Amino acid sequence: MKRTVHFFIAIGFVVASAVSATAATSINLVASGSLTPGSLITLETFATADGGETDNTIFGAINFQDAFLNSNSPGNSQVPLFTSIGALTCTTAFCVAFSQVNAAGPVAVNLTNSLIATTTFTIDPATAVGTVINFAWRTTPSTQRLDWFGITNAAGVTVTVVPEPTTVALLGLGLVGLAVAGRRRA
């Protein structure tokens, strides 16, 4: 009986160790806004972590195509998770979405799809409708990469510039007019 109890305790310990060794963390970008030339586009960064963290830093920089975005007026905000919050800066090639360090070292943070940063850009008014804009996490150099408890790669997001609603309405009205004129001729 005693051996059986020890056996099940040992099995439980091995299973518990295996579960904690497979810590899951993930980062996702979600784009919102009207996605029309000249409008604002907002990227939200969501994080999921299950408490098995091995790093005390959170740093994320988003690469983007500068030709289609106005990086002179981006707005950034981050949710303070740790003791030290870094600067949120932008260049013509990328924006820092979040930068935080926990001075006490790695801390088990249990988050499920939690918003940790928001970054806002302006789509260049001269950007053609149908243009595809890619946002991706920076991976090099290592001092400028996504670092969410050891993750150095995560899914980016792609958006397509669409016509303004008034342009679509005028185009639709013109097509209706052509259809009516065609019926009158027939």
Protein backbone atom coordinates (compact mmCIF):
# COMPACT_ATOMS: atom_id res chain seq x y z
CA MET A 1 0.00 0.00 0.00
CA LYS A 2 2.78 2.40 0.96
CA ARG A 3 4.61 1.68 -2.31
CA THR A 4 1.46 2.40 -4.31
CA VAL A 5 0.97 5.77 -2.59
CA HIS A 6 4.62 6.73 -3.25
CA PHE A 7 4.26 5.63 -6.87
CA PHE A 8 1.21 7.86 -7.44
CA ILE A 9 2.87 10.80 -5.68
CA ALA A 10 5.91 10.39 -7.95
CA ILE A 11 3.70 10.21 -11.06
CA GLY A 12 1.81 13.34 -9.95
CA PHE A 13 5.09 15.22 -9.45
CA VAL A 14 6.32 14.24 -12.93
CA VAL A 15 3.02 15.32 -14.54
CA ALA A 16 3.01 18.63 -12.64
CA SER A 17 6.61 19.30 -13.70
CA ALA A 18 5.79 18.55 -17.32
CA VAL A 19 2.82 20.91 -17.27
CA SER A 20 4.87 23.79 -15.85
CA ALA A 21 7.67 23.13 -18.36
CA THR A 22 5.31 23.73 -21.26
CA ALA A 23 4.48 27.32 -20.39
CA ALA A 24 2.49 29.00 -23.12
CA THR A 25 2.85 32.64 -24.01
CA SER A 26 1.63 34.40 -27.11
CA ILE A 27 1.36 37.88 -28.58
CA ASN A 28 -1.20 39.05 -31.13
CA LEU A 29 -1.67 42.27 -33.06
CA VAL A 30 -5.19 43.41 -33.91
CA ALA A 31 -5.81 46.29 -36.33
CA SER A 32 -8.82 48.58 -36.20
CA GLY A 33 -9.89 51.83 -37.80
CA SER A 34 -11.47 52.80 -41.10
CA LEU A 35 -8.32 51.82 -43.07
CA THR A 36 -8.90 54.60 -45.60
CA PRO A 37 -6.22 56.97 -46.96
CA GLY A 38 -5.58 59.74 -44.42
CA SER A 39 -7.31 57.94 -41.54
CA LEU A 40 -5.97 56.64 -38.26
CA ILE A 41 -5.16 52.98 -37.80
CA THR A 42 -4.79 51.50 -34.34
CA LEU A 43 -2.82 48.37 -33.51
CA GLU A 44 -3.61 46.68 -30.21
CA THR A 45 -1.19 44.19 -28.69
CA PHE A 46 -2.77 41.34 -26.75
CA ALA A 47 -0.79 38.94 -24.56
CA THR A 48 -1.46 35.52 -23.12
CA ALA A 49 0.81 33.99 -20.49
CA ASP A 50 0.17 31.04 -18.22
CA GLY A 51 2.53 31.77 -15.33
CA GLY A 52 5.59 29.81 -16.51
CA GLU A 53 7.63 32.87 -17.45
CA THR A 54 11.41 32.69 -17.67
CA ASP A 55 12.31 36.26 -18.53
CA ASN A 56 11.78 39.54 -16.69
CA THR A 57 11.51 41.79 -19.74
CA ILE A 58 8.72 42.70 -22.11
CA PHE A 59 9.85 44.55 -25.20
CA GLY A 60 8.03 44.77 -28.49
CA ALA A 61 8.79 46.77 -31.61
CA ILE A 62 6.53 46.74 -34.66
CA ASN A 63 8.02 47.00 -38.15
CA PHE A 64 5.86 48.71 -40.77
CA GLN A 65 6.10 50.07 -44.30
CA ASP A 66 6.99 53.71 -43.84
CA ALA A 67 5.96 54.62 -47.39
CA PHE A 68 2.30 54.11 -46.47
CA LEU A 69 2.21 55.41 -42.90
CA ASN A 70 2.86 58.74 -41.27
CA SER A 71 5.07 57.92 -38.32
CA ASN A 72 5.42 61.58 -37.32
CA SER A 73 2.30 61.47 -35.19
CA PRO A 74 1.91 57.98 -33.73
CA GLY A 75 0.30 57.61 -30.36
CA ASN A 76 1.46 54.83 -28.07
CA SER A 77 0.25 53.63 -24.72
CA GLN A 78 1.11 50.60 -22.66
CA VAL A 79 -0.39 48.86 -19.66
CA PRO A 80 2.09 48.84 -16.74
CA LEU A 81 2.67 45.19 -15.87
CA PHE A 82 6.08 45.53 -14.26
CA THR A 83 8.08 47.92 -12.10
CA SER A 84 9.87 49.79 -14.89
CA ILE A 85 8.20 51.15 -18.03
CA GLY A 86 10.43 51.97 -20.98
CA ALA A 87 10.04 54.75 -23.53
CA LEU A 88 7.67 54.33 -26.45
CA THR A 89 9.53 55.75 -29.42
CA CYS A 90 9.04 55.70 -33.18
CA THR A 91 11.38 55.96 -36.16
CA THR A 92 10.56 55.87 -39.86
CA ALA A 93 10.98 52.08 -39.82
CA PHE A 94 9.40 50.87 -36.58
CA CYS A 95 7.61 51.82 -33.39
CA VAL A 96 8.24 50.49 -29.90
CA ALA A 97 4.86 49.18 -28.76
CA PHE A 98 5.84 48.30 -25.21
CA SER A 99 8.98 48.16 -23.08
CA GLN A 100 8.89 46.98 -19.49
CA VAL A 101 11.22 45.28 -17.01
CA ASN A 102 10.56 43.70 -13.64
CA ALA A 103 13.50 44.48 -11.38
CA ALA A 104 12.63 41.53 -9.14
CA GLY A 105 13.20 39.07 -11.97
CA PRO A 106 10.73 36.73 -13.70
CA VAL A 107 7.25 36.85 -12.23
CA ALA A 108 4.42 34.46 -12.99
CA VAL A 109 1.84 36.56 -14.79
CA ASN A 110 -1.42 34.89 -15.70
CA LEU A 111 -2.98 36.76 -18.61
CA THR A 112 -5.50 35.61 -21.17
CA ASN A 113 -5.74 37.76 -24.27
CA SER A 114 -5.04 40.91 -22.24
CA LEU A 115 -4.45 44.26 -23.92
CA ILE A 116 -0.92 45.42 -23.03
CA ALA A 117 -0.25 48.13 -25.64
CA THR A 118 -1.92 50.37 -28.20
CA THR A 119 -0.10 52.02 -31.12
CA THR A 120 -1.73 54.52 -33.49
CA PHE A 121 -0.57 55.49 -37.01
CA THR A 122 -1.92 57.72 -39.77
CA ILE A 123 -2.31 56.14 -43.21
CA ASP A 124 -0.68 58.46 -45.75
CA PRO A 125 -3.43 60.32 -47.68
CA ALA A 126 -1.63 59.52 -50.97
CA THR A 127 -1.76 55.75 -50.35
CA ALA A 128 -3.62 54.00 -53.15
CA VAL A 129 -6.77 52.05 -52.39
CA GLY A 130 -5.98 48.33 -52.35
CA THR A 131 -2.51 48.83 -50.90
CA VAL A 132 -1.54 46.08 -48.46
CA ILE A 133 0.31 47.25 -45.33
CA ASN A 134 2.19 44.73 -43.24
CA PHE A 135 2.89 45.08 -39.53
CA ALA A 136 5.35 42.56 -38.11
CA TRP A 137 7.38 42.11 -34.96
CA ARG A 138 10.97 43.21 -35.08
CA THR A 139 13.34 40.26 -34.58
CA THR A 140 16.76 41.83 -35.07
CA PRO A 141 18.84 43.23 -33.55
CA SER A 142 18.20 41.40 -30.30
CA THR A 143 17.96 44.70 -28.42
CA GLN A 144 14.96 45.67 -30.55
CA ARG A 145 13.00 42.43 -30.79
CA LEU A 146 9.75 41.16 -29.42
CA ASP A 147 10.69 39.69 -26.05
CA TRP A 148 7.67 38.43 -24.17
CA PHE A 149 9.18 35.98 -21.72
CA GLY A 150 11.48 34.58 -24.36
CA ILE A 151 9.25 34.77 -27.45
CA THR A 152 11.16 36.30 -30.34
CA ASN A 153 8.61 35.77 -33.06
CA ALA A 154 4.86 36.19 -33.22
CA ALA A 155 2.09 36.73 -35.71
CA GLY A 156 1.91 40.13 -37.34
CA VAL A 157 -1.09 41.63 -39.08
CA THR A 158 -1.82 42.70 -42.66
CA VAL A 159 -4.33 45.39 -43.55
CA THR A 160 -5.66 46.51 -46.93
CA VAL A 161 -6.43 50.18 -47.59
CA VAL A 162 -10.06 50.59 -48.65
CA PRO A 163 -11.90 53.50 -50.30
CA GLU A 164 -13.59 56.08 -48.12
CA PRO A 165 -17.29 55.39 -47.57
CA THR A 166 -18.28 58.52 -49.52
CA THR A 167 -16.16 57.39 -52.47
CA VAL A 168 -17.84 53.98 -52.41
CA ALA A 169 -21.27 55.65 -52.22
CA LEU A 170 -20.50 57.91 -55.20
CA LEU A 171 -19.17 54.97 -57.19
CA GLY A 172 -22.31 52.98 -56.39
CA LEU A 173 -24.53 55.93 -57.36
CA GLY A 174 -22.68 56.26 -60.66
CA LEU A 175 -23.16 52.55 -61.42
CA VAL A 176 -26.88 52.84 -60.66
CA GLY A 177 -27.06 55.84 -63.03
CA LEU A 178 -25.34 53.86 -65.79
CA ALA A 179 -27.73 50.96 -65.27
CA VAL A 180 -30.77 53.25 -65.50
CA ALA A 181 -29.40 54.98 -68.62
CA GLY A 182 -28.77 51.60 -70.22
CA ARG A 183 -32.35 50.49 -69.55
CA ARG A 184 -33.76 53.69 -71.10
CA ARG A 185 -31.80 53.05 -74.31
CA ALA A 186 -33.08 49.50 -74.56
